[in-house]
Amino acid sequence: MKQFLVTGASRGIGRETALALAAQGHAVHATSRTPFTLAGCHTYVLDHTSSESREAFAHQLNGISLDGLVLNAGALVSKPFTQLTPEDFASMGLANWSGPALLVQALLPHFAPGAHTVFISSMGGYQGASKYPGLLAYATSKMAMAGLAESLQAELGSDGFSFNALCLGAVQTEMLAEAFPGYEAPVTPKAMGFAIAQFVAFGHETQAGQVIPLAKSNP
């Protein structure tokens, strides 16, 4: 039995990823910013944008070695470029780039040999993919997340760890509804969660330091 961490697991893609891993017999440590329950999983409160919360969570994992991490928690700001504020850029960076980086830093002592970290990015953060008005701060923060996967592989790959970023296309989630009201995605959270569960468990056997599109449509 392997040990996996899934952040942002109270709903949507994170929830379905955690459930898929649990159904496969793994021990799943699932987090959200607010208290929640999830069948077959150990649940925790974690705000990865807070240093205090990161440190407290790392302490809770005392004695646990993580074989895989799915860093799915994030945030979205949807507004025209001319209306974006310094606070918008700061919050997007912390939610989608520097916060996940600092969480990895806090959890490194809990990495099992060969641990695989998967950053859940977006096609909005994939070089050359279509970009959309109103999502500039979000997309650029997700592009930084893709660079984070590549850079961590360069820095920590020699320690036996693997880092990859999955750039997801449209999935029928609440976040998608916020960004594209009325749009119906061709992929369900359950289908995407299963795909991510398979990738975190086995994808590092063939790929490391990669930024990989996982999309049926964009959006």
N, C-alpha and C. Protein backbone atom coordinates (compact mmCIF):
# COMPACT_ATOMS: atom_id res chain seq x y z
N MET A 1 0.85 -1.20 0.00
CA MET A 1 0.00 0.00 0.00
C MET A 1 0.88 1.25 0.00
N LYS A 2 0.61 2.16 -0.92
CA LYS A 2 1.36 3.40 -0.99
C LYS A 2 0.59 4.54 -0.32
N GLN A 3 1.31 5.60 -0.01
CA GLN A 3 0.74 6.76 0.66
C GLN A 3 0.72 7.95 -0.31
N PHE A 4 -0.46 8.54 -0.50
CA PHE A 4 -0.60 9.66 -1.43
C PHE A 4 -1.24 10.86 -0.74
N LEU A 5 -0.80 12.03 -1.17
CA LEU A 5 -1.41 13.30 -0.74
C LEU A 5 -2.14 13.92 -1.91
N VAL A 6 -3.36 14.39 -1.65
CA VAL A 6 -4.12 15.13 -2.66
C VAL A 6 -4.63 16.41 -2.01
N THR A 7 -4.23 17.56 -2.53
CA THR A 7 -4.71 18.83 -1.99
C THR A 7 -5.93 19.30 -2.79
N GLY A 8 -6.73 20.16 -2.16
CA GLY A 8 -7.95 20.63 -2.81
C GLY A 8 -8.91 19.50 -3.08
N ALA A 9 -9.11 18.64 -2.07
CA ALA A 9 -9.82 17.38 -2.30
C ALA A 9 -11.27 17.39 -1.82
N SER A 10 -11.79 18.53 -1.44
CA SER A 10 -13.17 18.55 -0.93
C SER A 10 -14.21 18.55 -2.05
N ARG A 11 -13.77 18.81 -3.27
CA ARG A 11 -14.73 18.85 -4.38
C ARG A 11 -13.99 18.64 -5.70
N GLY A 12 -14.75 18.47 -6.77
CA GLY A 12 -14.22 18.47 -8.11
C GLY A 12 -13.14 17.43 -8.39
N ILE A 13 -12.14 17.85 -9.14
CA ILE A 13 -11.09 16.95 -9.60
C ILE A 13 -10.30 16.38 -8.43
N GLY A 14 -9.99 17.20 -7.44
CA GLY A 14 -9.23 16.71 -6.29
C GLY A 14 -9.97 15.61 -5.56
N ARG A 15 -11.26 15.83 -5.35
CA ARG A 15 -12.08 14.82 -4.66
C ARG A 15 -12.07 13.50 -5.41
N GLU A 16 -12.27 13.56 -6.73
CA GLU A 16 -12.34 12.33 -7.52
C GLU A 16 -10.98 11.65 -7.62
N THR A 17 -9.91 12.42 -7.61
CA THR A 17 -8.57 11.83 -7.61
C THR A 17 -8.33 11.07 -6.31
N ALA A 18 -8.68 11.69 -5.20
CA ALA A 18 -8.51 11.04 -3.90
C ALA A 18 -9.34 9.76 -3.81
N LEU A 19 -10.57 9.81 -4.27
CA LEU A 19 -11.44 8.64 -4.22
C LEU A 19 -10.90 7.52 -5.11
N ALA A 20 -10.37 7.89 -6.28
CA ALA A 20 -9.82 6.87 -7.19
C ALA A 20 -8.61 6.19 -6.57
N LEU A 21 -7.74 6.95 -5.92
CA LEU A 21 -6.57 6.36 -5.27
C LEU A 21 -6.99 5.46 -4.10
N ALA A 22 -7.97 5.91 -3.33
CA ALA A 22 -8.45 5.10 -2.21
C ALA A 22 -9.08 3.80 -2.71
N ALA A 23 -9.81 3.87 -3.82
CA ALA A 23 -10.45 2.68 -4.39
C ALA A 23 -9.42 1.66 -4.86
N GLN A 24 -8.23 2.14 -5.17
CA GLN A 24 -7.15 1.25 -5.62
C GLN A 24 -6.37 0.66 -4.43
N GLY A 25 -6.81 0.98 -3.20
CA GLY A 25 -6.22 0.38 -2.02
C GLY A 25 -5.09 1.17 -1.39
N HIS A 26 -4.89 2.40 -1.84
CA HIS A 26 -3.82 3.22 -1.28
C HIS A 26 -4.31 4.00 -0.06
N ALA A 27 -3.37 4.43 0.78
CA ALA A 27 -3.68 5.34 1.88
C ALA A 27 -3.65 6.76 1.32
N VAL A 28 -4.74 7.48 1.49
CA VAL A 28 -4.87 8.80 0.89
C VAL A 28 -5.01 9.86 1.97
N HIS A 29 -4.19 10.86 1.91
CA HIS A 29 -4.23 12.01 2.81
C HIS A 29 -4.76 13.19 1.99
N ALA A 30 -6.00 13.56 2.26
CA ALA A 30 -6.71 14.55 1.46
C ALA A 30 -6.88 15.84 2.25
N THR A 31 -6.67 16.98 1.58
CA THR A 31 -6.73 18.26 2.28
C THR A 31 -7.70 19.22 1.61
N SER A 32 -8.14 20.18 2.43
CA SER A 32 -8.96 21.29 1.96
C SER A 32 -8.77 22.44 2.94
N ARG A 33 -9.15 23.64 2.53
CA ARG A 33 -8.99 24.80 3.41
C ARG A 33 -9.97 24.78 4.56
N THR A 34 -11.06 24.02 4.44
CA THR A 34 -12.06 23.92 5.51
C THR A 34 -12.29 22.45 5.85
N PRO A 35 -12.77 22.16 7.06
CA PRO A 35 -12.99 20.76 7.45
C PRO A 35 -13.96 20.04 6.51
N PHE A 36 -13.68 18.77 6.23
CA PHE A 36 -14.54 17.97 5.36
C PHE A 36 -14.29 16.50 5.66
N THR A 37 -15.14 15.65 5.12
CA THR A 37 -14.95 14.21 5.23
C THR A 37 -14.96 13.62 3.82
N LEU A 38 -14.24 12.52 3.66
CA LEU A 38 -14.19 11.85 2.36
C LEU A 38 -13.97 10.36 2.61
N ALA A 39 -14.89 9.57 2.12
CA ALA A 39 -14.89 8.13 2.40
C ALA A 39 -13.56 7.49 2.03
N GLY A 40 -13.00 6.74 2.96
CA GLY A 40 -11.78 6.00 2.71
C GLY A 40 -10.50 6.81 2.76
N CYS A 41 -10.59 8.09 3.13
CA CYS A 41 -9.42 8.97 3.13
C CYS A 41 -9.21 9.59 4.51
N HIS A 42 -7.96 9.89 4.82
CA HIS A 42 -7.63 10.71 5.98
C HIS A 42 -7.73 12.17 5.55
N THR A 43 -8.49 12.96 6.27
CA THR A 43 -8.70 14.35 5.84
C THR A 43 -8.05 15.33 6.81
N TYR A 44 -7.59 16.44 6.25
CA TYR A 44 -6.89 17.47 7.01
C TYR A 44 -7.29 18.84 6.49
N VAL A 45 -7.12 19.84 7.35
CA VAL A 45 -7.29 21.23 6.93
C VAL A 45 -5.91 21.77 6.56
N LEU A 46 -5.80 22.32 5.35
CA LEU A 46 -4.54 22.89 4.88
C LEU A 46 -4.83 24.06 3.96
N ASP A 47 -4.24 25.20 4.28
CA ASP A 47 -4.22 26.36 3.39
C ASP A 47 -2.79 26.51 2.93
N HIS A 48 -2.48 26.07 1.73
CA HIS A 48 -1.08 26.04 1.30
C HIS A 48 -0.50 27.43 1.05
N THR A 49 -1.34 28.47 1.12
CA THR A 49 -0.83 29.84 0.99
C THR A 49 -0.34 30.39 2.32
N SER A 50 -0.54 29.65 3.41
CA SER A 50 -0.18 30.10 4.76
C SER A 50 1.01 29.31 5.28
N SER A 51 2.07 30.01 5.69
CA SER A 51 3.24 29.32 6.23
C SER A 51 2.89 28.55 7.50
N GLU A 52 2.04 29.15 8.35
CA GLU A 52 1.64 28.47 9.58
C GLU A 52 0.87 27.19 9.28
N SER A 53 -0.02 27.25 8.29
CA SER A 53 -0.81 26.07 7.95
C SER A 53 0.08 25.00 7.33
N ARG A 54 1.01 25.38 6.48
CA ARG A 54 1.93 24.40 5.89
C ARG A 54 2.75 23.70 6.97
N GLU A 55 3.26 24.46 7.91
CA GLU A 55 4.09 23.89 8.97
C GLU A 55 3.26 22.96 9.87
N ALA A 56 2.04 23.38 10.19
CA ALA A 56 1.18 22.55 11.04
C ALA A 56 0.82 21.24 10.34
N PHE A 57 0.56 21.31 9.05
CA PHE A 57 0.22 20.10 8.30
C PHE A 57 1.41 19.16 8.23
N ALA A 58 2.59 19.69 7.97
CA ALA A 58 3.78 18.84 7.92
C ALA A 58 3.97 18.13 9.25
N HIS A 59 3.70 18.81 10.35
CA HIS A 59 3.82 18.20 11.67
C HIS A 59 2.80 17.07 11.83
N GLN A 60 1.59 17.25 11.29
CA GLN A 60 0.56 16.21 11.39
C GLN A 60 0.97 14.94 10.65
N LEU A 61 1.82 15.07 9.65
CA LEU A 61 2.26 13.92 8.86
C LEU A 61 3.44 13.20 9.49
N ASN A 62 3.77 13.52 10.71
CA ASN A 62 4.91 12.90 11.38
C ASN A 62 4.82 11.38 11.31
N GLY A 63 5.87 10.75 10.77
CA GLY A 63 5.90 9.30 10.65
C GLY A 63 5.35 8.76 9.35
N ILE A 64 4.83 9.64 8.49
CA ILE A 64 4.24 9.22 7.21
C ILE A 64 5.21 9.57 6.08
N SER A 65 5.46 8.61 5.21
CA SER A 65 6.29 8.84 4.02
C SER A 65 5.39 8.83 2.79
N LEU A 66 5.44 9.90 2.03
CA LEU A 66 4.56 10.06 0.88
C LEU A 66 5.20 9.54 -0.40
N ASP A 67 4.50 8.62 -1.05
CA ASP A 67 4.98 8.09 -2.34
C ASP A 67 4.58 8.98 -3.50
N GLY A 68 3.50 9.73 -3.34
CA GLY A 68 3.05 10.60 -4.41
C GLY A 68 2.25 11.76 -3.88
N LEU A 69 2.34 12.89 -4.56
CA LEU A 69 1.60 14.09 -4.20
C LEU A 69 0.88 14.62 -5.43
N VAL A 70 -0.38 14.94 -5.28
CA VAL A 70 -1.15 15.61 -6.32
C VAL A 70 -1.50 16.99 -5.78
N LEU A 71 -0.78 18.00 -6.24
CA LEU A 71 -1.00 19.36 -5.75
C LEU A 71 -2.02 20.03 -6.67
N ASN A 72 -3.27 19.85 -6.28
CA ASN A 72 -4.41 20.27 -7.08
C ASN A 72 -5.03 21.58 -6.62
N ALA A 73 -4.89 21.91 -5.34
CA ALA A 73 -5.51 23.12 -4.81
C ALA A 73 -5.00 24.35 -5.54
N GLY A 74 -5.89 25.26 -5.85
CA GLY A 74 -5.51 26.49 -6.53
C GLY A 74 -6.66 27.48 -6.49
N ALA A 75 -6.51 28.55 -7.25
CA ALA A 75 -7.54 29.59 -7.26
C ALA A 75 -7.58 30.25 -8.63
N LEU A 76 -8.67 30.97 -8.88
CA LEU A 76 -8.87 31.63 -10.17
C LEU A 76 -9.43 33.02 -9.95
N VAL A 77 -8.87 33.99 -10.66
CA VAL A 77 -9.43 35.34 -10.74
C VAL A 77 -9.83 35.57 -12.19
N SER A 78 -11.07 35.94 -12.40
CA SER A 78 -11.57 36.20 -13.75
C SER A 78 -12.03 37.65 -13.85
N LYS A 79 -11.19 38.47 -14.48
CA LYS A 79 -11.55 39.87 -14.72
C LYS A 79 -10.66 40.44 -15.81
N PRO A 80 -11.10 41.47 -16.51
CA PRO A 80 -10.29 42.05 -17.59
C PRO A 80 -8.94 42.53 -17.08
N PHE A 81 -7.94 42.50 -17.96
CA PHE A 81 -6.59 42.92 -17.60
C PHE A 81 -6.57 44.32 -17.02
N THR A 82 -7.37 45.22 -17.59
CA THR A 82 -7.35 46.61 -17.13
C THR A 82 -7.89 46.77 -15.72
N GLN A 83 -8.57 45.76 -15.19
CA GLN A 83 -9.13 45.83 -13.84
C GLN A 83 -8.31 45.05 -12.81
N LEU A 84 -7.27 44.35 -13.26
CA LEU A 84 -6.47 43.57 -12.33
C LEU A 84 -5.68 44.47 -11.40
N THR A 85 -5.59 44.04 -10.14
CA THR A 85 -4.89 44.81 -9.12
C THR A 85 -3.60 44.09 -8.70
N PRO A 86 -2.71 44.79 -8.03
CA PRO A 86 -1.53 44.10 -7.48
C PRO A 86 -1.91 42.93 -6.58
N GLU A 87 -3.01 43.08 -5.85
CA GLU A 87 -3.46 42.01 -4.96
C GLU A 87 -3.90 40.78 -5.77
N ASP A 88 -4.52 41.00 -6.94
CA ASP A 88 -4.92 39.87 -7.79
C ASP A 88 -3.71 39.06 -8.23
N PHE A 89 -2.67 39.76 -8.70
CA PHE A 89 -1.48 39.06 -9.14
C PHE A 89 -0.80 38.34 -7.98
N ALA A 90 -0.75 39.00 -6.82
CA ALA A 90 -0.12 38.39 -5.65
C ALA A 90 -0.87 37.14 -5.21
N SER A 91 -2.20 37.21 -5.20
CA SER A 91 -2.99 36.06 -4.75
C SER A 91 -2.89 34.90 -5.72
N MET A 92 -2.88 35.19 -7.03
CA MET A 92 -2.74 34.12 -8.02
C MET A 92 -1.36 33.46 -7.92
N GLY A 93 -0.33 34.28 -7.73
CA GLY A 93 1.00 33.71 -7.60
C GLY A 93 1.13 32.82 -6.38
N LEU A 94 0.58 33.26 -5.27
CA LEU A 94 0.66 32.49 -4.03
C LEU A 94 -0.17 31.22 -4.11
N ALA A 95 -1.35 31.29 -4.72
CA ALA A 95 -2.23 30.12 -4.80
C ALA A 95 -1.72 29.08 -5.78
N ASN A 96 -1.17 29.54 -6.91
CA ASN A 96 -0.90 28.62 -8.01
C ASN A 96 0.58 28.38 -8.30
N TRP A 97 1.47 29.08 -7.60
CA TRP A 97 2.89 28.92 -7.88
C TRP A 97 3.73 28.85 -6.61
N SER A 98 3.88 29.97 -5.91
CA SER A 98 4.81 29.97 -4.77
C SER A 98 4.28 29.15 -3.59
N GLY A 99 2.96 29.15 -3.37
CA GLY A 99 2.39 28.34 -2.31
C GLY A 99 2.67 26.85 -2.50
N PRO A 100 2.38 26.29 -3.70
CA PRO A 100 2.73 24.89 -3.93
C PRO A 100 4.23 24.62 -3.80
N ALA A 101 5.06 25.58 -4.25
CA ALA A 101 6.51 25.38 -4.12
C ALA A 101 6.91 25.29 -2.66
N LEU A 102 6.38 26.18 -1.83
CA LEU A 102 6.73 26.18 -0.42
C LEU A 102 6.14 24.97 0.31
N LEU A 103 5.02 24.45 -0.19
CA LEU A 103 4.47 23.22 0.40
C LEU A 103 5.40 22.05 0.12
N VAL A 104 5.91 21.96 -1.10
CA VAL A 104 6.89 20.92 -1.42
C VAL A 104 8.09 21.04 -0.48
N GLN A 105 8.56 22.25 -0.29
CA GLN A 105 9.70 22.47 0.60
C GLN A 105 9.42 21.96 2.01
N ALA A 106 8.22 22.27 2.52
CA ALA A 106 7.85 21.85 3.87
C ALA A 106 7.71 20.35 4.00
N LEU A 107 7.30 19.70 2.90
CA LEU A 107 7.02 18.26 2.95
C LEU A 107 8.18 17.39 2.52
N LEU A 108 9.26 17.97 2.05
CA LEU A 108 10.39 17.16 1.58
C LEU A 108 10.84 16.10 2.59
N PRO A 109 10.87 16.41 3.90
CA PRO A 109 11.27 15.37 4.85
C PRO A 109 10.34 14.17 4.88
N HIS A 110 9.14 14.33 4.30
CA HIS A 110 8.15 13.25 4.29
C HIS A 110 8.11 12.51 2.95
N PHE A 111 9.00 12.86 2.02
CA PHE A 111 9.03 12.19 0.73
C PHE A 111 9.64 10.80 0.89
N ALA A 112 8.93 9.79 0.40
CA ALA A 112 9.49 8.45 0.34
C ALA A 112 10.51 8.40 -0.81
N PRO A 113 11.43 7.44 -0.79
CA PRO A 113 12.35 7.29 -1.93
C PRO A 113 11.56 7.15 -3.24
N GLY A 114 11.94 7.94 -4.24
CA GLY A 114 11.27 7.87 -5.53
C GLY A 114 9.93 8.59 -5.59
N ALA A 115 9.63 9.44 -4.62
CA ALA A 115 8.33 10.12 -4.58
C ALA A 115 8.07 10.92 -5.85
N HIS A 116 6.82 10.93 -6.27
CA HIS A 116 6.39 11.60 -7.50
C HIS A 116 5.42 12.72 -7.15
N THR A 117 5.78 13.95 -7.51
CA THR A 117 4.89 15.10 -7.30
C THR A 117 4.27 15.52 -8.62
N VAL A 118 2.95 15.65 -8.63
CA VAL A 118 2.22 16.07 -9.82
C VAL A 118 1.54 17.40 -9.53
N PHE A 119 1.92 18.42 -10.27
CA PHE A 119 1.27 19.73 -10.17
C PHE A 119 0.11 19.77 -11.16
N ILE A 120 -1.07 20.14 -10.67
CA ILE A 120 -2.23 20.24 -11.55
C ILE A 120 -2.30 21.66 -12.10
N SER A 121 -1.85 21.78 -13.34
CA SER A 121 -1.87 23.06 -14.04
C SER A 121 -3.07 23.09 -14.98
N SER A 122 -3.02 23.92 -15.97
CA SER A 122 -4.15 24.15 -16.87
C SER A 122 -3.64 24.35 -18.28
N MET A 123 -4.48 24.07 -19.26
CA MET A 123 -4.11 24.40 -20.64
C MET A 123 -3.89 25.90 -20.80
N GLY A 124 -4.50 26.68 -19.90
CA GLY A 124 -4.23 28.11 -19.90
C GLY A 124 -2.79 28.42 -19.55
N GLY A 125 -2.12 27.48 -18.89
CA GLY A 125 -0.73 27.65 -18.53
C GLY A 125 0.22 26.85 -19.41
N TYR A 126 -0.28 26.34 -20.53
CA TYR A 126 0.54 25.54 -21.44
C TYR A 126 1.00 26.40 -22.60
N GLN A 127 2.31 26.43 -22.82
CA GLN A 127 2.87 27.27 -23.87
C GLN A 127 2.28 26.94 -25.24
N GLY A 128 1.73 27.95 -25.91
CA GLY A 128 1.18 27.77 -27.24
C GLY A 128 -0.29 27.43 -27.29
N ALA A 129 -0.89 27.08 -26.15
CA ALA A 129 -2.32 26.80 -26.12
C ALA A 129 -3.12 28.10 -26.17
N SER A 130 -4.39 28.01 -26.50
CA SER A 130 -5.25 29.19 -26.58
C SER A 130 -5.34 29.87 -25.22
N LYS A 131 -5.34 31.19 -25.24
CA LYS A 131 -5.54 31.99 -24.04
C LYS A 131 -6.85 32.75 -24.19
N TYR A 132 -7.44 33.15 -23.04
CA TYR A 132 -8.79 33.73 -23.07
C TYR A 132 -8.84 35.03 -22.28
N PRO A 133 -9.60 36.01 -22.79
CA PRO A 133 -9.73 37.29 -22.07
C PRO A 133 -10.26 37.06 -20.65
N GLY A 134 -9.72 37.81 -19.72
CA GLY A 134 -10.17 37.73 -18.34
C GLY A 134 -9.38 36.77 -17.49
N LEU A 135 -8.55 35.94 -18.11
CA LEU A 135 -7.84 34.92 -17.36
C LEU A 135 -6.32 35.13 -17.35
N LEU A 136 -5.89 36.34 -17.59
CA LEU A 136 -4.45 36.61 -17.69
C LEU A 136 -3.71 36.28 -16.41
N ALA A 137 -4.19 36.76 -15.27
CA ALA A 137 -3.48 36.51 -14.01
C ALA A 137 -3.46 35.02 -13.68
N TYR A 138 -4.56 34.35 -13.93
CA TYR A 138 -4.64 32.91 -13.69
C TYR A 138 -3.69 32.15 -14.61
N ALA A 139 -3.75 32.43 -15.91
CA ALA A 139 -2.95 31.70 -16.88
C ALA A 139 -1.46 31.87 -16.63
N THR A 140 -1.04 33.10 -16.34
CA THR A 140 0.39 33.32 -16.13
C THR A 140 0.87 32.65 -14.84
N SER A 141 0.03 32.59 -13.83
CA SER A 141 0.43 31.88 -12.61
C SER A 141 0.54 30.38 -12.86
N LYS A 142 -0.31 29.85 -13.72
CA LYS A 142 -0.23 28.43 -14.06
C LYS A 142 0.98 28.15 -14.95
N MET A 143 1.39 29.12 -15.77
CA MET A 143 2.61 28.94 -16.54
C MET A 143 3.82 28.88 -15.60
N ALA A 144 3.77 29.67 -14.52
CA ALA A 144 4.84 29.60 -13.51
C ALA A 144 4.86 28.24 -12.85
N MET A 145 3.69 27.64 -12.63
CA MET A 145 3.62 26.31 -12.05
C MET A 145 4.29 25.28 -12.95
N ALA A 146 4.10 25.42 -14.27
CA ALA A 146 4.76 24.51 -15.20
C ALA A 146 6.27 24.64 -15.09
N GLY A 147 6.76 25.87 -14.99
CA GLY A 147 8.19 26.08 -14.80
C GLY A 147 8.69 25.53 -13.49
N LEU A 148 7.83 25.53 -12.49
CA LEU A 148 8.18 24.97 -11.18
C LEU A 148 8.47 23.48 -11.30
N ALA A 149 7.63 22.75 -12.03
CA ALA A 149 7.85 21.31 -12.20
C ALA A 149 9.19 21.04 -12.88
N GLU A 150 9.47 21.80 -13.93
CA GLU A 150 10.73 21.62 -14.65
C GLU A 150 11.93 21.95 -13.76
N SER A 151 11.83 23.04 -13.02
CA SER A 151 12.95 23.49 -12.21
C SER A 151 13.21 22.59 -11.01
N LEU A 152 12.13 22.09 -10.37
CA LEU A 152 12.31 21.17 -9.26
C LEU A 152 12.95 19.87 -9.72
N GLN A 153 12.62 19.44 -10.92
CA GLN A 153 13.24 18.23 -11.44
C GLN A 153 14.74 18.43 -11.61
N ALA A 154 15.12 19.63 -12.10
CA ALA A 154 16.54 19.93 -12.27
C ALA A 154 17.26 19.97 -10.93
N GLU A 155 16.57 20.46 -9.90
CA GLU A 155 17.20 20.65 -8.59
C GLU A 155 17.17 19.40 -7.72
N LEU A 156 16.08 18.64 -7.78
CA LEU A 156 15.90 17.52 -6.85
C LEU A 156 15.82 16.15 -7.54
N GLY A 157 15.87 16.15 -8.85
CA GLY A 157 15.80 14.87 -9.56
C GLY A 157 16.94 13.94 -9.21
N SER A 158 18.10 14.51 -8.92
CA SER A 158 19.26 13.68 -8.58
C SER A 158 19.08 12.98 -7.23
N ASP A 159 18.10 13.43 -6.45
CA ASP A 159 17.78 12.76 -5.18
C ASP A 159 16.80 11.60 -5.38
N GLY A 160 16.42 11.38 -6.63
CA GLY A 160 15.52 10.26 -6.93
C GLY A 160 14.06 10.64 -7.01
N PHE A 161 13.74 11.93 -6.86
CA PHE A 161 12.35 12.38 -6.91
C PHE A 161 11.96 12.78 -8.33
N SER A 162 10.66 12.70 -8.62
CA SER A 162 10.14 13.09 -9.93
C SER A 162 9.08 14.16 -9.77
N PHE A 163 9.10 15.12 -10.69
CA PHE A 163 8.14 16.22 -10.69
C PHE A 163 7.60 16.39 -12.11
N ASN A 164 6.27 16.43 -12.22
CA ASN A 164 5.62 16.67 -13.51
C ASN A 164 4.44 17.61 -13.32
N ALA A 165 4.07 18.29 -14.39
CA ALA A 165 2.87 19.13 -14.37
C ALA A 165 1.90 18.62 -15.42
N LEU A 166 0.65 18.44 -15.02
CA LEU A 166 -0.42 18.08 -15.96
C LEU A 166 -1.24 19.32 -16.25
N CYS A 167 -1.32 19.69 -17.52
CA CYS A 167 -2.10 20.87 -17.93
C CYS A 167 -3.46 20.38 -18.41
N LEU A 168 -4.46 20.57 -17.56
CA LEU A 168 -5.79 20.02 -17.83
C LEU A 168 -6.58 20.91 -18.77
N GLY A 169 -7.33 20.25 -19.65
CA GLY A 169 -8.31 20.96 -20.46
C GLY A 169 -9.61 21.11 -19.69
N ALA A 170 -10.69 21.32 -20.41
CA ALA A 170 -11.97 21.60 -19.78
C ALA A 170 -12.53 20.38 -19.06
N VAL A 171 -12.85 20.57 -17.78
CA VAL A 171 -13.49 19.55 -16.96
C VAL A 171 -14.69 20.23 -16.29
N GLN A 172 -15.81 19.53 -16.19
CA GLN A 172 -17.03 20.14 -15.69
C GLN A 172 -16.98 20.35 -14.18
N THR A 173 -16.33 21.45 -13.78
CA THR A 173 -16.17 21.78 -12.37
C THR A 173 -16.73 23.16 -12.09
N GLU A 174 -16.80 23.49 -10.80
CA GLU A 174 -17.26 24.83 -10.41
C GLU A 174 -16.31 25.90 -10.90
N MET A 175 -15.01 25.62 -10.91
CA MET A 175 -14.04 26.60 -11.39
C MET A 175 -14.23 26.87 -12.88
N LEU A 176 -14.52 25.82 -13.65
CA LEU A 176 -14.79 26.02 -15.08
C LEU A 176 -16.02 26.89 -15.27
N ALA A 177 -17.06 26.64 -14.49
CA ALA A 177 -18.29 27.42 -14.60
C ALA A 177 -18.05 28.89 -14.31
N GLU A 178 -17.12 29.17 -13.40
CA GLU A 178 -16.78 30.56 -13.09
C GLU A 178 -16.06 31.22 -14.25
N ALA A 179 -15.15 30.48 -14.90
CA ALA A 179 -14.35 31.04 -15.98
C ALA A 179 -15.13 31.11 -17.29
N PHE A 180 -15.98 30.09 -17.54
CA PHE A 180 -16.72 30.01 -18.80
C PHE A 180 -18.18 29.68 -18.51
N PRO A 181 -18.95 30.66 -18.06
CA PRO A 181 -20.36 30.41 -17.70
C PRO A 181 -21.14 29.81 -18.87
N GLY A 182 -21.86 28.73 -18.58
CA GLY A 182 -22.69 28.10 -19.59
C GLY A 182 -22.00 27.07 -20.45
N TYR A 183 -20.68 26.97 -20.37
CA TYR A 183 -19.94 26.01 -21.19
C TYR A 183 -20.07 24.62 -20.60
N GLU A 184 -20.31 23.63 -21.44
CA GLU A 184 -20.41 22.24 -21.00
C GLU A 184 -19.17 21.48 -21.44
N ALA A 185 -18.37 21.05 -20.49
CA ALA A 185 -17.12 20.36 -20.79
C ALA A 185 -17.38 18.91 -21.20
N PRO A 186 -16.50 18.35 -22.02
CA PRO A 186 -16.67 16.96 -22.46
C PRO A 186 -16.10 15.94 -21.49
N VAL A 187 -15.49 16.40 -20.39
CA VAL A 187 -14.85 15.50 -19.44
C VAL A 187 -15.43 15.73 -18.04
N THR A 188 -15.74 14.65 -17.34
CA THR A 188 -16.27 14.74 -15.98
C THR A 188 -15.12 14.76 -14.98
N PRO A 189 -15.35 15.31 -13.78
CA PRO A 189 -14.32 15.23 -12.74
C PRO A 189 -13.91 13.79 -12.42
N LYS A 190 -14.87 12.87 -12.46
CA LYS A 190 -14.54 11.47 -12.15
C LYS A 190 -13.57 10.89 -13.16
N ALA A 191 -13.79 11.15 -14.44
CA ALA A 191 -12.90 10.64 -15.48
C ALA A 191 -11.50 11.24 -15.35
N MET A 192 -11.43 12.54 -15.10
CA MET A 192 -10.13 13.19 -14.97
C MET A 192 -9.43 12.75 -13.69
N GLY A 193 -10.20 12.59 -12.60
CA GLY A 193 -9.61 12.13 -11.36
C GLY A 193 -8.98 10.76 -11.50
N PHE A 194 -9.63 9.87 -12.23
CA PHE A 194 -9.07 8.54 -12.45
C PHE A 194 -7.77 8.63 -13.24
N ALA A 195 -7.75 9.49 -14.26
CA ALA A 195 -6.54 9.63 -15.08
C ALA A 195 -5.38 10.18 -14.25
N ILE A 196 -5.65 11.14 -13.40
CA ILE A 196 -4.61 11.72 -12.55
C ILE A 196 -4.10 10.70 -11.55
N ALA A 197 -5.02 9.91 -10.98
CA ALA A 197 -4.63 8.87 -10.03
C ALA A 197 -3.67 7.87 -10.68
N GLN A 198 -3.97 7.49 -11.90
CA GLN A 198 -3.08 6.57 -12.62
C GLN A 198 -1.71 7.21 -12.87
N PHE A 199 -1.74 8.50 -13.21
CA PHE A 199 -0.47 9.17 -13.55
C PHE A 199 0.42 9.34 -12.32
N VAL A 200 -0.15 9.75 -11.20
CA VAL A 200 0.70 9.94 -10.01
C VAL A 200 1.28 8.62 -9.54
N ALA A 201 0.55 7.54 -9.76
CA ALA A 201 1.02 6.23 -9.32
C ALA A 201 2.08 5.64 -10.24
N PHE A 202 1.97 5.94 -11.55
CA PHE A 202 2.83 5.25 -12.51
C PHE A 202 3.55 6.16 -13.51
N GLY A 203 3.13 7.40 -13.64
CA GLY A 203 3.66 8.26 -14.69
C GLY A 203 5.15 8.55 -14.57
N HIS A 204 5.66 8.55 -13.33
CA HIS A 204 7.08 8.85 -13.14
C HIS A 204 7.99 7.72 -13.61
N GLU A 205 7.40 6.58 -13.96
CA GLU A 205 8.22 5.50 -14.49
C GLU A 205 8.74 5.82 -15.88
N THR A 206 8.07 6.76 -16.57
CA THR A 206 8.47 7.10 -17.94
C THR A 206 8.69 8.59 -18.16
N GLN A 207 8.26 9.45 -17.20
CA GLN A 207 8.35 10.89 -17.44
C GLN A 207 8.75 11.62 -16.16
N ALA A 208 9.61 12.61 -16.33
CA ALA A 208 10.05 13.43 -15.20
C ALA A 208 10.42 14.81 -15.72
N GLY A 209 10.04 15.84 -14.98
CA GLY A 209 10.33 17.21 -15.40
C GLY A 209 9.57 17.63 -16.63
N GLN A 210 8.40 17.03 -16.84
CA GLN A 210 7.63 17.29 -18.06
C GLN A 210 6.38 18.13 -17.77
N VAL A 211 5.97 18.88 -18.78
CA VAL A 211 4.73 19.66 -18.75
C VAL A 211 3.83 19.04 -19.81
N ILE A 212 2.77 18.39 -19.36
CA ILE A 212 2.02 17.46 -20.21
C ILE A 212 0.58 17.91 -20.36
N PRO A 213 0.11 18.16 -21.58
CA PRO A 213 -1.30 18.48 -21.77
C PRO A 213 -2.17 17.24 -21.57
N LEU A 214 -3.27 17.41 -20.86
CA LEU A 214 -4.23 16.34 -20.64
C LEU A 214 -5.61 16.94 -20.92
N ALA A 215 -5.94 16.99 -22.19
CA ALA A 215 -7.10 17.77 -22.61
C ALA A 215 -7.84 17.13 -23.76
N LYS A 216 -9.15 17.18 -23.67
CA LYS A 216 -10.02 16.79 -24.78
C LYS A 216 -10.54 18.02 -25.50
N SER A 217 -10.58 19.14 -24.77
CA SER A 217 -10.96 20.42 -25.37
C SER A 217 -10.33 21.54 -24.54
N ASN A 218 -10.21 22.71 -25.18
CA ASN A 218 -9.64 23.87 -24.53
C ASN A 218 -10.35 25.12 -25.04
N PRO A 219 -11.30 25.72 -24.31
CA PRO A 219 -11.65 25.31 -22.95
C PRO A 219 -12.38 23.98 -22.97
